[in-house]
PDB file of all heavy atoms in Angstrom:
ATOM      1  N   ASN A   1       4.188 -11.155 -20.406  1.00  0.00           N
ATOM      2  CA  ASN A   1       4.058 -12.568 -20.058  1.00  0.00           C
ATOM      3  C   ASN A   1       3.599 -13.390 -21.259  1.00  0.00           C
ATOM      4  O   ASN A   1       4.407 -14.035 -21.908  1.00  0.00           O
ATOM      5  CB  ASN A   1       3.088 -12.750 -18.890  1.00  0.00           C
ATOM      6  CG  ASN A   1       3.152 -14.140 -18.293  1.00  0.00           C
ATOM      7  OD1 ASN A   1       4.166 -14.526 -17.720  1.00  0.00           O
ATOM      8  ND2 ASN A   1       2.090 -14.930 -18.445  1.00  0.00           N
ATOM      9  N   ALA A   2       2.324 -13.355 -21.565  1.00  0.00           N
ATOM     10  CA  ALA A   2       1.817 -14.146 -22.679  1.00  0.00           C
ATOM     11  C   ALA A   2       2.022 -13.459 -24.018  1.00  0.00           C
ATOM     12  O   ALA A   2       2.103 -14.114 -25.057  1.00  0.00           O
ATOM     13  CB  ALA A   2       0.333 -14.452 -22.474  1.00  0.00           C
ATOM     14  N   ASP A   3       2.091 -12.120 -24.007  1.00  0.00           N
ATOM     15  CA  ASP A   3       2.229 -11.363 -25.249  1.00  0.00           C
ATOM     16  C   ASP A   3       2.914 -10.045 -24.917  1.00  0.00           C
ATOM     17  O   ASP A   3       3.587  -9.926 -23.893  1.00  0.00           O
ATOM     18  CB  ASP A   3       0.860 -11.154 -25.907  1.00  0.00           C
ATOM     19  CG  ASP A   3      -0.189 -10.656 -24.912  1.00  0.00           C
ATOM     20  OD1 ASP A   3       0.176  -9.871 -24.000  1.00  0.00           O
ATOM     21  OD2 ASP A   3      -1.362 -11.038 -25.029  1.00  0.00           O
ATOM     22  N   ASP A   4       2.711  -9.028 -25.773  1.00  0.00           N
ATOM     23  CA  ASP A   4       3.391  -7.753 -25.528  1.00  0.00           C
ATOM     24  C   ASP A   4       2.610  -6.829 -24.595  1.00  0.00           C
ATOM     25  O   ASP A   4       2.985  -5.673 -24.416  1.00  0.00           O
ATOM     26  CB  ASP A   4       3.679  -7.045 -26.853  1.00  0.00           C
ATOM     27  CG  ASP A   4       2.425  -6.771 -27.672  1.00  0.00           C
ATOM     28  OD1 ASP A   4       1.331  -7.179 -27.228  1.00  0.00           O
ATOM     29  OD2 ASP A   4       2.546  -6.172 -28.752  1.00  0.00           O
ATOM     30  N   ALA A   5       1.529  -7.319 -23.982  1.00  0.00           N
ATOM     31  CA  ALA A   5       0.790  -6.537 -22.990  1.00  0.00           C
ATOM     32  C   ALA A   5       1.540  -6.561 -21.661  1.00  0.00           C
ATOM     33  O   ALA A   5       2.137  -7.572 -21.289  1.00  0.00           O
ATOM     34  CB  ALA A   5      -0.621  -7.091 -22.810  1.00  0.00           C
ATOM     35  N   PHE A   6       1.498  -5.448 -20.942  1.00  0.00           N
ATOM     36  CA  PHE A   6       2.190  -5.354 -19.661  1.00  0.00           C
ATOM     37  C   PHE A   6       1.283  -5.826 -18.529  1.00  0.00           C
ATOM     38  O   PHE A   6       0.068  -5.622 -18.562  1.00  0.00           O
ATOM     39  CB  PHE A   6       2.630  -3.909 -19.385  1.00  0.00           C
ATOM     40  CG  PHE A   6       3.536  -3.344 -20.435  1.00  0.00           C
ATOM     41  CD1 PHE A   6       3.168  -2.232 -21.177  1.00  0.00           C
ATOM     42  CD2 PHE A   6       4.768  -3.924 -20.695  1.00  0.00           C
ATOM     43  CE1 PHE A   6       4.001  -1.704 -22.142  1.00  0.00           C
ATOM     44  CE2 PHE A   6       5.608  -3.413 -21.654  1.00  0.00           C
ATOM     45  CZ  PHE A   6       5.229  -2.292 -22.387  1.00  0.00           C
ATOM     46  N   THR A   7       1.876  -6.437 -17.540  1.00  0.00           N
ATOM     47  CA  THR A   7       1.124  -6.886 -16.369  1.00  0.00           C
ATOM     48  C   THR A   7       2.017  -6.838 -15.134  1.00  0.00           C
ATOM     49  O   THR A   7       3.208  -7.159 -15.199  1.00  0.00           O
ATOM     50  CB  THR A   7       0.575  -8.312 -16.554  1.00  0.00           C
ATOM     51  OG1 THR A   7      -0.063  -8.728 -15.336  1.00  0.00           O
ATOM     52  CG2 THR A   7       1.681  -9.302 -16.895  1.00  0.00           C
ATOM     53  N   LEU A   8       1.428  -6.425 -14.012  1.00  0.00           N
ATOM     54  CA  LEU A   8       2.137  -6.393 -12.732  1.00  0.00           C
ATOM     55  C   LEU A   8       1.865  -7.640 -11.896  1.00  0.00           C
ATOM     56  O   LEU A   8       2.364  -7.754 -10.769  1.00  0.00           O
ATOM     57  CB  LEU A   8       1.719  -5.153 -11.933  1.00  0.00           C
ATOM     58  CG  LEU A   8       2.316  -3.820 -12.413  1.00  0.00           C
ATOM     59  CD1 LEU A   8       1.604  -2.656 -11.739  1.00  0.00           C
ATOM     60  CD2 LEU A   8       3.814  -3.758 -12.128  1.00  0.00           C
ATOM     61  N   TRP A   9       1.100  -8.598 -12.437  1.00  0.00           N
ATOM     62  CA  TRP A   9       0.721  -9.751 -11.639  1.00  0.00           C
ATOM     63  C   TRP A   9       1.905 -10.649 -11.314  1.00  0.00           C
ATOM     64  O   TRP A   9       1.908 -11.316 -10.275  1.00  0.00           O
ATOM     65  CB  TRP A   9      -0.385 -10.541 -12.331  1.00  0.00           C
ATOM     66  CG  TRP A   9      -1.722  -9.924 -12.093  1.00  0.00           C
ATOM     67  CD1 TRP A   9      -2.517  -9.288 -12.989  1.00  0.00           C
ATOM     68  CD2 TRP A   9      -2.411  -9.849 -10.840  1.00  0.00           C
ATOM     69  NE1 TRP A   9      -3.662  -8.831 -12.389  1.00  0.00           N
ATOM     70  CE2 TRP A   9      -3.625  -9.157 -11.061  1.00  0.00           C
ATOM     71  CE3 TRP A   9      -2.129 -10.292  -9.544  1.00  0.00           C
ATOM     72  CZ2 TRP A   9      -4.536  -8.914 -10.042  1.00  0.00           C
ATOM     73  CZ3 TRP A   9      -3.038 -10.049  -8.533  1.00  0.00           C
ATOM     74  CH2 TRP A   9      -4.230  -9.372  -8.782  1.00  0.00           C
ATOM     75  N   ARG A  10       2.913 -10.666 -12.160  1.00  0.00           N
ATOM     76  CA  ARG A  10       4.077 -11.499 -11.843  1.00  0.00           C
ATOM     77  C   ARG A  10       4.775 -10.976 -10.590  1.00  0.00           C
ATOM     78  O   ARG A  10       5.184 -11.755  -9.729  1.00  0.00           O
ATOM     79  CB  ARG A  10       5.040 -11.521 -13.037  1.00  0.00           C
ATOM     80  CG  ARG A  10       6.204 -12.471 -12.825  1.00  0.00           C
ATOM     81  CD  ARG A  10       6.763 -12.970 -14.143  1.00  0.00           C
ATOM     82  NE  ARG A  10       8.051 -13.591 -13.947  1.00  0.00           N
ATOM     83  CZ  ARG A  10       9.206 -13.078 -14.314  1.00  0.00           C
ATOM     84  NH1 ARG A  10       9.234 -11.918 -14.943  1.00  0.00           N
ATOM     85  NH2 ARG A  10      10.336 -13.697 -14.100  1.00  0.00           N
ATOM     86  N   ARG A  11       4.902  -9.663 -10.486  1.00  0.00           N
ATOM     87  CA  ARG A  11       5.508  -9.092  -9.293  1.00  0.00           C
ATOM     88  C   ARG A  11       4.611  -9.317  -8.073  1.00  0.00           C
ATOM     89  O   ARG A  11       5.096  -9.659  -6.987  1.00  0.00           O
ATOM     90  CB  ARG A  11       5.779  -7.597  -9.480  1.00  0.00           C
ATOM     91  CG  ARG A  11       6.442  -6.979  -8.259  1.00  0.00           C
ATOM     92  CD  ARG A  11       7.140  -5.672  -8.552  1.00  0.00           C
ATOM     93  NE  ARG A  11       6.234  -4.558  -8.700  1.00  0.00           N
ATOM     94  CZ  ARG A  11       6.634  -3.282  -8.766  1.00  0.00           C
ATOM     95  NH1 ARG A  11       7.923  -2.989  -8.730  1.00  0.00           N
ATOM     96  NH2 ARG A  11       5.771  -2.315  -8.900  1.00  0.00           N
ATOM     97  N   ARG A  12       3.305  -9.140  -8.239  1.00  0.00           N
ATOM     98  CA  ARG A  12       2.393  -9.317  -7.111  1.00  0.00           C
ATOM     99  C   ARG A  12       2.411 -10.748  -6.588  1.00  0.00           C
ATOM    100  O   ARG A  12       2.463 -10.992  -5.379  1.00  0.00           O
ATOM    101  CB  ARG A  12       0.979  -8.927  -7.535  1.00  0.00           C
ATOM    102  CG  ARG A  12       0.813  -7.433  -7.794  1.00  0.00           C
ATOM    103  CD  ARG A  12      -0.469  -7.142  -8.548  1.00  0.00           C
ATOM    104  NE  ARG A  12      -0.625  -5.721  -8.837  1.00  0.00           N
ATOM    105  CZ  ARG A  12      -1.430  -5.236  -9.779  1.00  0.00           C
ATOM    106  NH1 ARG A  12      -2.161  -6.081 -10.528  1.00  0.00           N
ATOM    107  NH2 ARG A  12      -1.518  -3.939  -9.989  1.00  0.00           N
ATOM    108  N   PHE A  13       2.389 -11.731  -7.516  1.00  0.00           N
ATOM    109  CA  PHE A  13       2.402 -13.123  -7.078  1.00  0.00           C
ATOM    110  C   PHE A  13       3.755 -13.492  -6.452  1.00  0.00           C
ATOM    111  O   PHE A  13       3.807 -14.312  -5.527  1.00  0.00           O
ATOM    112  CB  PHE A  13       2.086 -14.048  -8.250  1.00  0.00           C
ATOM    113  CG  PHE A  13       0.643 -14.029  -8.666  1.00  0.00           C
ATOM    114  CD1 PHE A  13       0.286 -13.977 -10.005  1.00  0.00           C
ATOM    115  CD2 PHE A  13      -0.373 -14.047  -7.722  1.00  0.00           C
ATOM    116  CE1 PHE A  13      -1.048 -13.965 -10.399  1.00  0.00           C
ATOM    117  CE2 PHE A  13      -1.709 -14.021  -8.099  1.00  0.00           C
ATOM    118  CZ  PHE A  13      -2.051 -13.982  -9.438  1.00  0.00           C
ATOM    119  N   HIS A  14       4.837 -12.893  -6.932  1.00  0.00           N
ATOM    120  CA  HIS A  14       6.132 -13.089  -6.287  1.00  0.00           C
ATOM    121  C   HIS A  14       6.112 -12.529  -4.859  1.00  0.00           C
ATOM    122  O   HIS A  14       6.678 -13.127  -3.940  1.00  0.00           O
ATOM    123  CB  HIS A  14       7.244 -12.413  -7.097  1.00  0.00           C
ATOM    124  CG  HIS A  14       7.902 -13.317  -8.092  1.00  0.00           C
ATOM    125  ND1 HIS A  14       7.441 -13.481  -9.373  1.00  0.00           N
ATOM    126  CD2 HIS A  14       9.000 -14.122  -7.984  1.00  0.00           C
ATOM    127  CE1 HIS A  14       8.213 -14.325 -10.024  1.00  0.00           C
ATOM    128  NE2 HIS A  14       9.161 -14.742  -9.203  1.00  0.00           N
ATOM    129  N   HIS A  15       5.467 -11.383  -4.688  1.00  0.00           N
ATOM    130  CA  HIS A  15       5.378 -10.796  -3.350  1.00  0.00           C
ATOM    131  C   HIS A  15       4.554 -11.687  -2.418  1.00  0.00           C
ATOM    132  O   HIS A  15       4.935 -11.887  -1.252  1.00  0.00           O
ATOM    133  CB  HIS A  15       4.749  -9.405  -3.429  1.00  0.00           C
ATOM    134  CG  HIS A  15       5.729  -8.328  -3.760  1.00  0.00           C
ATOM    135  ND1 HIS A  15       5.380  -7.198  -4.480  1.00  0.00           N
ATOM    136  CD2 HIS A  15       7.041  -8.190  -3.499  1.00  0.00           C
ATOM    137  CE1 HIS A  15       6.439  -6.427  -4.619  1.00  0.00           C
ATOM    138  NE2 HIS A  15       7.459  -7.005  -4.041  1.00  0.00           N
ATOM    139  N   PHE A  16       3.429 -12.196  -2.897  1.00  0.00           N
ATOM    140  CA  PHE A  16       2.638 -13.121  -2.083  1.00  0.00           C
ATOM    141  C   PHE A  16       3.495 -14.320  -1.667  1.00  0.00           C
ATOM    142  O   PHE A  16       3.464 -14.744  -0.509  1.00  0.00           O
ATOM    143  CB  PHE A  16       1.418 -13.611  -2.877  1.00  0.00           C
ATOM    144  CG  PHE A  16       0.207 -12.732  -2.772  1.00  0.00           C
ATOM    145  CD1 PHE A  16      -0.260 -12.036  -3.882  1.00  0.00           C
ATOM    146  CD2 PHE A  16      -0.491 -12.618  -1.570  1.00  0.00           C
ATOM    147  CE1 PHE A  16      -1.385 -11.222  -3.790  1.00  0.00           C
ATOM    148  CE2 PHE A  16      -1.614 -11.815  -1.475  1.00  0.00           C
ATOM    149  CZ  PHE A  16      -2.058 -11.115  -2.595  1.00  0.00           C
ATOM    150  N   THR A  17       4.251 -14.854  -2.626  1.00  0.00           N
ATOM    151  CA  THR A  17       5.054 -16.044  -2.353  1.00  0.00           C
ATOM    152  C   THR A  17       6.189 -15.750  -1.378  1.00  0.00           C
ATOM    153  O   THR A  17       6.369 -16.459  -0.378  1.00  0.00           O
ATOM    154  CB  THR A  17       5.634 -16.596  -3.670  1.00  0.00           C
ATOM    155  OG1 THR A  17       4.565 -16.891  -4.574  1.00  0.00           O
ATOM    156  CG2 THR A  17       6.441 -17.858  -3.421  1.00  0.00           C
ATOM    157  N   PHE A  18       6.952 -14.694  -1.659  1.00  0.00           N
ATOM    158  CA  PHE A  18       8.118 -14.396  -0.835  1.00  0.00           C
ATOM    159  C   PHE A  18       7.722 -14.025   0.587  1.00  0.00           C
ATOM    160  O   PHE A  18       8.247 -14.578   1.563  1.00  0.00           O
ATOM    161  CB  PHE A  18       8.937 -13.272  -1.461  1.00  0.00           C
ATOM    162  CG  PHE A  18      10.083 -12.815  -0.604  1.00  0.00           C
ATOM    163  CD1 PHE A  18      11.229 -13.589  -0.479  1.00  0.00           C
ATOM    164  CD2 PHE A  18      10.018 -11.615   0.093  1.00  0.00           C
ATOM    165  CE1 PHE A  18      12.282 -13.172   0.328  1.00  0.00           C
ATOM    166  CE2 PHE A  18      11.069 -11.193   0.892  1.00  0.00           C
ATOM    167  CZ  PHE A  18      12.206 -11.975   1.007  1.00  0.00           C
ATOM    168  N   TYR A  19       6.786 -13.090   0.715  1.00  0.00           N
ATOM    169  CA  TYR A  19       6.421 -12.643   2.060  1.00  0.00           C
ATOM    170  C   TYR A  19       5.601 -13.698   2.790  1.00  0.00           C
ATOM    171  O   TYR A  19       5.654 -13.783   4.022  1.00  0.00           O
ATOM    172  CB  TYR A  19       5.699 -11.303   1.986  1.00  0.00           C
ATOM    173  CG  TYR A  19       6.645 -10.189   1.629  1.00  0.00           C
ATOM    174  CD1 TYR A  19       6.613  -9.576   0.383  1.00  0.00           C
ATOM    175  CD2 TYR A  19       7.619  -9.769   2.530  1.00  0.00           C
ATOM    176  CE1 TYR A  19       7.508  -8.578   0.042  1.00  0.00           C
ATOM    177  CE2 TYR A  19       8.513  -8.767   2.203  1.00  0.00           C
ATOM    178  CZ  TYR A  19       8.460  -8.180   0.955  1.00  0.00           C
ATOM    179  OH  TYR A  19       9.360  -7.198   0.627  1.00  0.00           O
ATOM    180  N   GLY A  20       4.865 -14.532   2.051  1.00  0.00           N
ATOM    181  CA  GLY A  20       4.200 -15.663   2.691  1.00  0.00           C
ATOM    182  C   GLY A  20       5.218 -16.637   3.272  1.00  0.00           C
ATOM    183  O   GLY A  20       5.074 -17.116   4.399  1.00  0.00           O
ATOM    184  N   PHE A  21       6.272 -16.928   2.493  1.00  0.00           N
ATOM    185  CA  PHE A  21       7.335 -17.807   2.970  1.00  0.00           C
ATOM    186  C   PHE A  21       8.018 -17.212   4.197  1.00  0.00           C
ATOM    187  O   PHE A  21       8.290 -17.917   5.181  1.00  0.00           O
ATOM    188  CB  PHE A  21       8.340 -18.043   1.852  1.00  0.00           C
ATOM    189  CG  PHE A  21       9.468 -18.974   2.209  1.00  0.00           C
ATOM    190  CD1 PHE A  21       9.327 -20.346   2.041  1.00  0.00           C
ATOM    191  CD2 PHE A  21      10.661 -18.484   2.715  1.00  0.00           C
ATOM    192  CE1 PHE A  21      10.358 -21.211   2.369  1.00  0.00           C
ATOM    193  CE2 PHE A  21      11.699 -19.342   3.052  1.00  0.00           C
ATOM    194  CZ  PHE A  21      11.544 -20.709   2.883  1.00  0.00           C
ATOM    195  N   MET A  22       8.315 -15.921   4.156  1.00  0.00           N
ATOM    196  CA  MET A  22       9.009 -15.278   5.272  1.00  0.00           C
ATOM    197  C   MET A  22       8.138 -15.244   6.530  1.00  0.00           C
ATOM    198  O   MET A  22       8.642 -15.387   7.649  1.00  0.00           O
ATOM    199  CB  MET A  22       9.425 -13.865   4.882  1.00  0.00           C
ATOM    200  CG  MET A  22      10.488 -13.809   3.792  1.00  0.00           C
ATOM    201  SD  MET A  22      11.955 -14.795   4.161  1.00  0.00           S
ATOM    202  CE  MET A  22      12.587 -13.949   5.621  1.00  0.00           C
ATOM    203  N   LEU A  23       6.826 -15.074   6.367  1.00  0.00           N
ATOM    204  CA  LEU A  23       5.937 -15.096   7.528  1.00  0.00           C
ATOM    205  C   LEU A  23       5.881 -16.490   8.148  1.00  0.00           C
ATOM    206  O   LEU A  23       5.857 -16.634   9.375  1.00  0.00           O
ATOM    207  CB  LEU A  23       4.533 -14.632   7.137  1.00  0.00           C
ATOM    208  CG  LEU A  23       4.362 -13.123   6.903  1.00  0.00           C
ATOM    209  CD1 LEU A  23       2.971 -12.823   6.349  1.00  0.00           C
ATOM    210  CD2 LEU A  23       4.591 -12.347   8.204  1.00  0.00           C
ATOM    211  N   CYS A  24       5.865 -17.521   7.296  1.00  0.00           N
ATOM    212  CA  CYS A  24       5.894 -18.893   7.818  1.00  0.00           C
ATOM    213  C   CYS A  24       7.212 -19.163   8.538  1.00  0.00           C
ATOM    214  O   CYS A  24       7.241 -19.825   9.589  1.00  0.00           O
ATOM    215  CB  CYS A  24       5.686 -19.889   6.685  1.00  0.00           C
ATOM    216  SG  CYS A  24       4.013 -19.897   6.004  1.00  0.00           S
ATOM    217  N   PHE A  25       8.303 -18.665   7.975  1.00  0.00           N
ATOM    218  CA  PHE A  25       9.602 -18.818   8.639  1.00  0.00           C
ATOM    219  C   PHE A  25       9.611 -18.067   9.973  1.00  0.00           C
ATOM    220  O   PHE A  25      10.126 -18.564  10.978  1.00  0.00           O
ATOM    221  CB  PHE A  25      10.705 -18.298   7.724  1.00  0.00           C
ATOM    222  CG  PHE A  25      12.090 -18.455   8.283  1.00  0.00           C
ATOM    223  CD1 PHE A  25      12.701 -19.692   8.319  1.00  0.00           C
ATOM    224  CD2 PHE A  25      12.785 -17.361   8.783  1.00  0.00           C
ATOM    225  CE1 PHE A  25      13.982 -19.851   8.842  1.00  0.00           C
ATOM    226  CE2 PHE A  25      14.063 -17.492   9.307  1.00  0.00           C
ATOM    227  CZ  PHE A  25      14.658 -18.750   9.338  1.00  0.00           C
ATOM    228  N   ALA A  26       9.018 -16.870   9.985  1.00  0.00           N
ATOM    229  CA  ALA A  26       8.931 -16.091  11.222  1.00  0.00           C
ATOM    230  C   ALA A  26       8.100 -16.832  12.266  1.00  0.00           C
ATOM    231  O   ALA A  26       8.418 -16.796  13.465  1.00  0.00           O
ATOM    232  CB  ALA A  26       8.327 -14.718  10.938  1.00  0.00           C
ATOM    233  N   ALA A  27       7.040 -17.507  11.828  1.00  0.00           N
ATOM    234  CA  ALA A  27       6.216 -18.281  12.764  1.00  0.00           C
ATOM    235  C   ALA A  27       7.045 -19.375  13.424  1.00  0.00           C
ATOM    236  O   ALA A  27       6.927 -19.622  14.642  1.00  0.00           O
ATOM    237  CB  ALA A  27       5.027 -18.892  12.022  1.00  0.00           C
ATOM    238  N   THR A  28       7.912 -20.036  12.637  1.00  0.00           N
ATOM    239  CA  THR A  28       8.776 -21.077  13.191  1.00  0.00           C
ATOM    240  C   THR A  28       9.771 -20.494  14.192  1.00  0.00           C
ATOM    241  O   THR A  28      10.020 -21.071  15.257  1.00  0.00           O
ATOM    242  CB  THR A  28       9.522 -21.789  12.056  1.00  0.00           C
ATOM    243  OG1 THR A  28       8.583 -22.314  11.116  1.00  0.00           O
ATOM    244  CG2 THR A  28      10.375 -22.924  12.590  1.00  0.00           C
ATOM    245  N   VAL A  29      10.343 -19.338  13.845  1.00  0.00           N
ATOM    246  CA  VAL A  29      11.315 -18.696  14.737  1.00  0.00           C
ATOM    247  C   VAL A  29      10.648 -18.284  16.050  1.00  0.00           C
ATOM    248  O   VAL A  29      11.187 -18.515  17.149  1.00  0.00           O
ATOM    249  CB  VAL A  29      11.953 -17.479  14.047  1.00  0.00           C
ATOM    250  CG1 VAL A  29      12.813 -16.691  15.028  1.00  0.00           C
ATOM    251  CG2 VAL A  29      12.796 -17.927  12.850  1.00  0.00           C
TER     252      VAL A  29
END
């Protein structure tokens, strides 16, 4: 991300975002 160090936070934050969105969509359904 910022340099050549590895981080899994981009994947984790994507998971929070995607599954959060899907849960909100499920609530509407």
